[in-house]
Protein backbone atom coordinates (compact mmCIF):
# COMPACT_ATOMS: atom_id res chain seq x y z
CA MET A 1 6.86 -22.59 -6.28
CA ARG A 2 3.40 -21.68 -8.35
CA LYS A 3 4.13 -19.43 -11.35
CA VAL A 4 1.44 -17.76 -12.84
CA SER A 5 0.11 -19.15 -16.22
CA HIS A 6 -2.32 -16.74 -17.19
CA PHE A 7 -4.89 -14.61 -15.40
CA ARG A 8 -8.17 -12.71 -16.56
CA GLU A 9 -9.45 -9.40 -18.04
CA PRO A 10 -10.48 -7.06 -16.39
CA ILE A 11 -6.94 -6.39 -14.13
CA ILE A 12 -7.33 -4.53 -10.92
CA HIS A 13 -4.70 -2.25 -9.98
CA VAL A 14 -3.65 0.77 -8.94
CA PHE A 15 -4.46 3.06 -11.39
CA ASN A 16 -8.13 1.28 -11.82
CA LYS A 17 -9.35 0.17 -8.85
CA ASN A 18 -12.96 1.45 -9.18
CA THR A 19 -16.32 0.06 -9.94
CA THR A 20 -15.98 -0.01 -13.54
CA VAL A 21 -13.99 -3.21 -13.92
CA ILE A 22 -16.36 -5.33 -11.74
CA GLN A 23 -18.42 -6.57 -14.63
CA LYS A 24 -22.20 -6.11 -14.53
CA GLY A 25 -24.48 -9.17 -13.32
CA SER A 26 -21.76 -11.04 -11.37
CA PRO A 27 -22.06 -12.28 -8.27
CA PHE A 28 -20.49 -9.35 -6.72
CA TRP A 29 -22.37 -6.88 -8.35
CA THR A 30 -25.21 -8.47 -7.98
CA ALA A 31 -25.02 -8.80 -3.90
CA HIS A 32 -23.64 -5.13 -3.91
CA SER A 33 -25.43 -3.13 -6.38
CA GLU A 34 -28.66 -2.13 -4.41
CA ARG A 35 -26.92 -0.72 -1.38
CA LYS A 36 -26.98 3.54 -1.40
CA ASN A 37 -24.05 5.02 0.55
CA ILE A 38 -20.43 4.47 0.31
CA MET A 39 -17.56 4.57 2.72
CA LEU A 40 -14.36 5.32 0.54
CA LEU A 41 -11.32 4.82 2.63
CA GLY A 42 -8.09 6.12 0.95
CA ASP A 43 -4.30 7.09 1.53
CA ASN A 44 -3.57 9.42 -1.99
CA LEU A 45 -5.61 11.18 -4.14
CA GLY A 46 -6.13 8.80 -6.50
CA ASP A 47 -8.13 6.56 -4.18
CA LEU A 48 -11.25 9.58 -4.96
CA ASN A 49 -12.32 8.46 -7.46
CA ILE A 50 -12.41 4.43 -6.18
CA GLU A 51 -16.53 5.03 -6.52
CA GLN A 52 -16.66 6.12 -10.20
CA GLY A 53 -18.88 3.87 -12.02
CA GLN A 54 -20.99 2.95 -9.10
CA GLU A 55 -24.67 4.03 -9.32
CA HIS A 56 -25.96 5.28 -6.01
CA SER A 57 -27.92 7.64 -4.57
CA GLY A 58 -27.36 7.99 -0.88
CA ILE A 59 -24.19 9.59 1.05
CA THR A 60 -20.35 9.07 -0.09
CA LEU A 61 -18.39 9.12 2.90
CA LYS A 62 -14.38 9.87 2.06
CA ILE A 63 -11.82 9.24 4.77
CA GLY A 64 -8.21 9.31 3.65
CA PHE A 65 -5.14 7.82 5.72
CA LEU A 66 -2.36 11.06 5.79
CA ASN A 67 0.98 9.31 6.39
CA THR A 68 3.11 12.79 6.28
CA SER A 69 2.53 15.65 8.07
CA ASP A 70 3.53 18.66 5.74
CA GLU A 71 1.35 21.55 5.49
CA VAL A 72 0.31 21.24 1.71
CA SER A 73 -0.27 17.27 1.82
CA ALA A 74 -2.79 18.19 4.64
CA ARG A 75 -4.56 20.73 3.03
CA THR A 76 -5.08 19.45 -0.13
CA PHE A 77 -6.33 16.30 2.40
CA LEU A 78 -8.60 18.01 3.96
CA ASN A 79 -10.18 19.80 0.84
CA ASN A 80 -10.88 16.61 -0.73
CA PHE A 81 -11.53 14.32 1.91
CA ASP A 82 -14.48 14.55 4.38
CA LEU A 83 -12.57 12.99 7.93
CA VAL A 84 -8.69 13.09 7.13
CA LEU A 85 -6.62 10.58 9.96
CA VAL A 86 -2.64 11.75 10.24
CA GLU A 87 -0.21 9.36 11.13
CA ASP A 88 -1.70 6.43 11.58
CA SER A 89 0.37 4.29 9.87
CA ASN A 90 1.64 2.82 13.53
CA VAL A 91 -1.88 1.71 14.44
């Protein structure tokens, strides 16, 4: 059994999963920083901030996965995402 003994900053977790945690100049940043468009996928409203910190001059397509079917959630998703997929958890 292995145990975690240490970790490196920054820690990416559900509350900061956006490009502000990617170090500029890192191999990932270098490989992706010139891309102009973003496809953002999320299953909650907090995911709408994933593109935060990313400088781009193109289009962001926001796709939401709505796993509940109540009218309030549906309206909220439709107002915030460009495309909403409903009850897609079994696919």
